[in-house]
Amino acid sequence: MTIYPNPNRKKIRGSHVLVISCAVCKGFIAHYQKVGESNLVKMYNDRIIDGVVDFSQHHGAIFCPNCGERIATRYVTKMDKKEAYRLVPSAFNKKKV
């Protein structure tokens, strides 16, 4: 399993790092910088630190490399016009590092 660094990553002040993993097979998906204590609904592309998916290329969705489960779908937010991934609520686990 190869871990790809995200070339679009920016450092975010006041954030904490989450490990995102697949809910089915418990495989690693990505490290993410989360701001605030609310629920994780979407992942902005510029806050993803690294992952098993190459984020330099445009993907329509994020799938688990081990079991093929769909974790998130790519979209552009209406307010910010930023690229983000909308997470499937029951498809992932998160853990604070």
N, C-alpha and C. Protein backbone atom coordinates (compact mmCIF):
# COMPACT_ATOMS: atom_id res chain seq x y z
N MET A 1 0.86 -1.18 0.00
CA MET A 1 0.00 0.00 0.00
C MET A 1 0.90 1.24 0.00
N THR A 2 0.68 2.09 -0.95
CA THR A 2 1.46 3.31 -1.10
C THR A 2 0.68 4.49 -0.55
N ILE A 3 1.37 5.36 0.20
CA ILE A 3 0.75 6.57 0.75
C ILE A 3 1.22 7.74 -0.10
N TYR A 4 0.26 8.49 -0.65
CA TYR A 4 0.57 9.63 -1.50
C TYR A 4 0.38 10.92 -0.72
N PRO A 5 1.36 11.82 -0.70
CA PRO A 5 1.15 13.14 -0.08
C PRO A 5 0.27 13.99 -0.99
N ASN A 6 -0.53 14.85 -0.39
CA ASN A 6 -1.43 15.72 -1.15
C ASN A 6 -0.68 16.99 -1.55
N PRO A 7 -0.51 17.28 -2.85
CA PRO A 7 0.20 18.49 -3.26
C PRO A 7 -0.62 19.76 -3.02
N ASN A 8 -1.93 19.65 -2.83
CA ASN A 8 -2.80 20.81 -2.62
C ASN A 8 -2.94 21.17 -1.14
N ARG A 9 -2.23 20.50 -0.27
CA ARG A 9 -2.37 20.66 1.18
C ARG A 9 -1.92 22.03 1.64
N LYS A 10 -2.68 22.59 2.60
CA LYS A 10 -2.30 23.82 3.27
C LYS A 10 -2.33 23.56 4.77
N LYS A 11 -1.45 24.21 5.52
CA LYS A 11 -1.48 24.08 6.97
C LYS A 11 -2.60 24.95 7.51
N ILE A 12 -3.41 24.40 8.40
CA ILE A 12 -4.55 25.09 8.96
C ILE A 12 -4.29 25.31 10.45
N ARG A 13 -4.35 26.58 10.89
CA ARG A 13 -4.13 26.88 12.30
C ARG A 13 -5.33 26.42 13.12
N GLY A 14 -5.06 25.90 14.31
CA GLY A 14 -6.11 25.48 15.22
C GLY A 14 -6.80 24.19 14.82
N SER A 15 -6.17 23.40 13.98
CA SER A 15 -6.78 22.15 13.54
C SER A 15 -6.17 20.96 14.28
N HIS A 16 -6.89 19.86 14.28
CA HIS A 16 -6.35 18.61 14.81
C HIS A 16 -6.43 17.56 13.71
N VAL A 17 -5.58 16.55 13.80
CA VAL A 17 -5.45 15.55 12.75
C VAL A 17 -6.34 14.35 13.08
N LEU A 18 -7.09 13.90 12.07
CA LEU A 18 -7.92 12.70 12.18
C LEU A 18 -7.38 11.64 11.23
N VAL A 19 -7.47 10.39 11.66
CA VAL A 19 -7.16 9.26 10.78
C VAL A 19 -8.49 8.73 10.29
N ILE A 20 -8.70 8.73 8.98
CA ILE A 20 -9.92 8.23 8.38
C ILE A 20 -9.65 6.81 7.89
N SER A 21 -10.52 5.87 8.27
CA SER A 21 -10.35 4.49 7.85
C SER A 21 -11.68 3.91 7.38
N CYS A 22 -11.62 2.81 6.66
CA CYS A 22 -12.80 2.15 6.13
C CYS A 22 -13.55 1.46 7.27
N ALA A 23 -14.88 1.55 7.28
CA ALA A 23 -15.68 0.93 8.33
C ALA A 23 -15.81 -0.57 8.12
N VAL A 24 -15.66 -1.05 6.89
CA VAL A 24 -15.84 -2.46 6.60
C VAL A 24 -14.59 -3.26 6.93
N CYS A 25 -13.45 -2.86 6.35
CA CYS A 25 -12.22 -3.65 6.52
C CYS A 25 -11.19 -2.99 7.43
N LYS A 26 -11.48 -1.80 7.95
CA LYS A 26 -10.59 -1.05 8.85
C LYS A 26 -9.29 -0.63 8.19
N GLY A 27 -9.27 -0.54 6.86
CA GLY A 27 -8.08 -0.11 6.12
C GLY A 27 -7.91 1.39 6.16
N PHE A 28 -6.66 1.85 6.17
CA PHE A 28 -6.34 3.28 6.20
C PHE A 28 -6.76 3.94 4.90
N ILE A 29 -7.38 5.15 5.02
CA ILE A 29 -7.77 5.93 3.85
C ILE A 29 -6.96 7.23 3.77
N ALA A 30 -6.99 8.06 4.84
CA ALA A 30 -6.31 9.36 4.76
C ALA A 30 -6.09 9.96 6.14
N HIS A 31 -5.17 10.94 6.20
CA HIS A 31 -5.02 11.83 7.36
C HIS A 31 -5.68 13.15 6.97
N TYR A 32 -6.48 13.72 7.88
CA TYR A 32 -7.25 14.93 7.57
C TYR A 32 -7.13 15.93 8.70
N GLN A 33 -7.00 17.24 8.35
CA GLN A 33 -6.95 18.31 9.34
C GLN A 33 -8.37 18.83 9.57
N LYS A 34 -8.90 18.60 10.76
CA LYS A 34 -10.27 19.01 11.08
C LYS A 34 -10.23 20.23 11.97
N VAL A 35 -11.10 21.21 11.67
CA VAL A 35 -11.23 22.41 12.48
C VAL A 35 -12.56 22.32 13.20
N GLY A 36 -12.55 22.49 14.53
CA GLY A 36 -13.79 22.44 15.30
C GLY A 36 -14.12 21.04 15.76
N GLU A 37 -15.17 20.94 16.56
CA GLU A 37 -15.55 19.66 17.15
C GLU A 37 -16.85 19.11 16.57
N SER A 38 -17.34 19.66 15.47
CA SER A 38 -18.59 19.18 14.89
C SER A 38 -18.36 17.86 14.15
N ASN A 39 -19.45 17.29 13.62
CA ASN A 39 -19.38 16.03 12.90
C ASN A 39 -18.60 16.19 11.60
N LEU A 40 -17.98 15.11 11.17
CA LEU A 40 -17.24 15.11 9.92
C LEU A 40 -18.20 14.72 8.80
N VAL A 41 -18.60 15.70 7.97
CA VAL A 41 -19.55 15.49 6.90
C VAL A 41 -18.85 15.52 5.54
N LYS A 42 -17.88 16.43 5.40
CA LYS A 42 -17.14 16.56 4.15
C LYS A 42 -15.67 16.80 4.44
N MET A 43 -14.84 16.42 3.49
CA MET A 43 -13.41 16.65 3.60
C MET A 43 -13.00 17.58 2.46
N TYR A 44 -12.48 18.76 2.82
CA TYR A 44 -11.95 19.67 1.82
C TYR A 44 -10.64 19.13 1.30
N ASN A 45 -10.41 19.28 -0.01
CA ASN A 45 -9.22 18.72 -0.63
C ASN A 45 -7.94 19.36 -0.10
N ASP A 46 -7.97 20.65 0.24
CA ASP A 46 -6.75 21.31 0.71
C ASP A 46 -6.43 21.01 2.17
N ARG A 47 -7.29 20.28 2.88
CA ARG A 47 -7.02 19.89 4.26
C ARG A 47 -6.58 18.44 4.40
N ILE A 48 -6.62 17.68 3.32
CA ILE A 48 -6.18 16.29 3.35
C ILE A 48 -4.66 16.28 3.32
N ILE A 49 -4.04 15.65 4.30
CA ILE A 49 -2.57 15.62 4.41
C ILE A 49 -1.99 14.59 3.45
N ASP A 50 -2.41 13.35 3.58
CA ASP A 50 -1.96 12.27 2.70
C ASP A 50 -2.99 11.15 2.74
N GLY A 51 -2.85 10.20 1.83
CA GLY A 51 -3.80 9.10 1.78
C GLY A 51 -3.40 8.05 0.78
N VAL A 52 -4.22 7.01 0.67
CA VAL A 52 -3.95 5.92 -0.25
C VAL A 52 -4.38 6.26 -1.67
N VAL A 53 -5.12 7.36 -1.84
CA VAL A 53 -5.54 7.83 -3.16
C VAL A 53 -4.63 8.99 -3.56
N ASP A 54 -4.25 9.04 -4.82
CA ASP A 54 -3.41 10.13 -5.32
C ASP A 54 -4.30 11.35 -5.55
N PHE A 55 -4.23 12.34 -4.64
CA PHE A 55 -5.11 13.50 -4.69
C PHE A 55 -4.66 14.56 -5.69
N SER A 56 -3.53 14.35 -6.37
CA SER A 56 -3.11 15.28 -7.41
C SER A 56 -3.94 15.09 -8.68
N GLN A 57 -4.53 13.92 -8.83
CA GLN A 57 -5.42 13.64 -9.95
C GLN A 57 -6.86 13.85 -9.51
N HIS A 58 -7.76 14.13 -10.44
CA HIS A 58 -9.17 14.33 -10.11
C HIS A 58 -9.89 13.00 -10.14
N HIS A 59 -10.49 12.65 -9.03
CA HIS A 59 -11.26 11.42 -8.91
C HIS A 59 -12.72 11.79 -8.68
N GLY A 60 -13.63 10.98 -9.17
CA GLY A 60 -15.05 11.22 -8.94
C GLY A 60 -15.46 10.78 -7.55
N ALA A 61 -14.75 9.82 -6.99
CA ALA A 61 -15.08 9.30 -5.66
C ALA A 61 -13.83 8.69 -5.05
N ILE A 62 -13.89 8.46 -3.73
CA ILE A 62 -12.81 7.77 -3.02
C ILE A 62 -13.33 6.38 -2.66
N PHE A 63 -12.60 5.35 -3.08
CA PHE A 63 -12.95 3.97 -2.77
C PHE A 63 -11.86 3.37 -1.91
N CYS A 64 -12.24 2.44 -1.04
CA CYS A 64 -11.27 1.72 -0.22
C CYS A 64 -10.44 0.81 -1.13
N PRO A 65 -9.10 0.84 -1.02
CA PRO A 65 -8.28 0.00 -1.89
C PRO A 65 -8.36 -1.48 -1.54
N ASN A 66 -8.75 -1.82 -0.30
CA ASN A 66 -8.80 -3.21 0.12
C ASN A 66 -10.11 -3.90 -0.27
N CYS A 67 -11.26 -3.27 0.06
CA CYS A 67 -12.55 -3.94 -0.15
C CYS A 67 -13.41 -3.29 -1.23
N GLY A 68 -13.03 -2.12 -1.74
CA GLY A 68 -13.79 -1.49 -2.81
C GLY A 68 -15.01 -0.70 -2.35
N GLU A 69 -15.19 -0.51 -1.06
CA GLU A 69 -16.31 0.26 -0.52
C GLU A 69 -16.15 1.74 -0.86
N ARG A 70 -17.26 2.40 -1.27
CA ARG A 70 -17.19 3.84 -1.57
C ARG A 70 -17.20 4.62 -0.26
N ILE A 71 -16.20 5.47 -0.08
CA ILE A 71 -16.05 6.26 1.14
C ILE A 71 -16.62 7.66 0.96
N ALA A 72 -16.35 8.29 -0.18
CA ALA A 72 -16.77 9.68 -0.40
C ALA A 72 -16.96 9.95 -1.89
N THR A 73 -17.72 11.02 -2.17
CA THR A 73 -17.98 11.45 -3.53
C THR A 73 -17.49 12.89 -3.69
N ARG A 74 -16.82 13.19 -4.79
CA ARG A 74 -16.27 14.52 -5.03
C ARG A 74 -17.36 15.46 -5.51
N TYR A 75 -17.32 16.71 -5.01
CA TYR A 75 -18.21 17.76 -5.48
C TYR A 75 -17.58 19.11 -5.20
N VAL A 76 -18.19 20.18 -5.72
CA VAL A 76 -17.73 21.53 -5.49
C VAL A 76 -18.77 22.22 -4.62
N THR A 77 -18.33 22.82 -3.51
CA THR A 77 -19.27 23.45 -2.59
C THR A 77 -19.88 24.70 -3.22
N LYS A 78 -21.12 25.00 -2.86
CA LYS A 78 -21.82 26.14 -3.45
C LYS A 78 -21.30 27.47 -2.92
N MET A 79 -21.07 27.55 -1.61
CA MET A 79 -20.68 28.83 -1.02
C MET A 79 -19.23 29.20 -1.33
N ASP A 80 -18.32 28.27 -1.13
CA ASP A 80 -16.89 28.57 -1.26
C ASP A 80 -16.34 28.32 -2.66
N LYS A 81 -17.05 27.51 -3.45
CA LYS A 81 -16.55 27.06 -4.75
C LYS A 81 -15.23 26.30 -4.60
N LYS A 82 -15.15 25.50 -3.51
CA LYS A 82 -13.96 24.71 -3.23
C LYS A 82 -14.25 23.24 -3.48
N GLU A 83 -13.23 22.51 -3.85
CA GLU A 83 -13.37 21.09 -4.09
C GLU A 83 -13.40 20.36 -2.74
N ALA A 84 -14.38 19.46 -2.59
CA ALA A 84 -14.52 18.71 -1.35
C ALA A 84 -15.03 17.31 -1.67
N TYR A 85 -14.97 16.44 -0.67
CA TYR A 85 -15.50 15.09 -0.78
C TYR A 85 -16.60 14.92 0.26
N ARG A 86 -17.82 14.59 -0.18
CA ARG A 86 -18.94 14.34 0.73
C ARG A 86 -18.85 12.89 1.18
N LEU A 87 -18.73 12.68 2.48
CA LEU A 87 -18.52 11.35 3.04
C LEU A 87 -19.83 10.59 3.18
N VAL A 88 -19.78 9.30 2.93
CA VAL A 88 -20.92 8.41 3.19
C VAL A 88 -20.91 8.12 4.68
N PRO A 89 -22.00 8.44 5.42
CA PRO A 89 -21.96 8.38 6.89
C PRO A 89 -21.56 7.04 7.50
N SER A 90 -21.97 5.94 6.92
CA SER A 90 -21.68 4.64 7.54
C SER A 90 -20.47 3.94 6.93
N ALA A 91 -19.73 4.61 6.08
CA ALA A 91 -18.64 3.94 5.34
C ALA A 91 -17.26 4.20 5.91
N PHE A 92 -17.13 5.06 6.94
CA PHE A 92 -15.80 5.40 7.44
C PHE A 92 -15.80 5.48 8.97
N ASN A 93 -14.60 5.37 9.52
CA ASN A 93 -14.35 5.59 10.95
C ASN A 93 -13.32 6.70 11.06
N LYS A 94 -13.38 7.47 12.14
CA LYS A 94 -12.39 8.51 12.37
C LYS A 94 -11.82 8.36 13.77
N LYS A 95 -10.54 8.72 13.88
CA LYS A 95 -9.86 8.64 15.15
C LYS A 95 -8.92 9.83 15.26
N LYS A 96 -8.97 10.51 16.41
CA LYS A 96 -8.12 11.67 16.63
C LYS A 96 -6.70 11.21 16.96
N VAL A 97 -5.72 11.86 16.35
CA VAL A 97 -4.31 11.52 16.58
C VAL A 97 -3.76 12.41 17.66
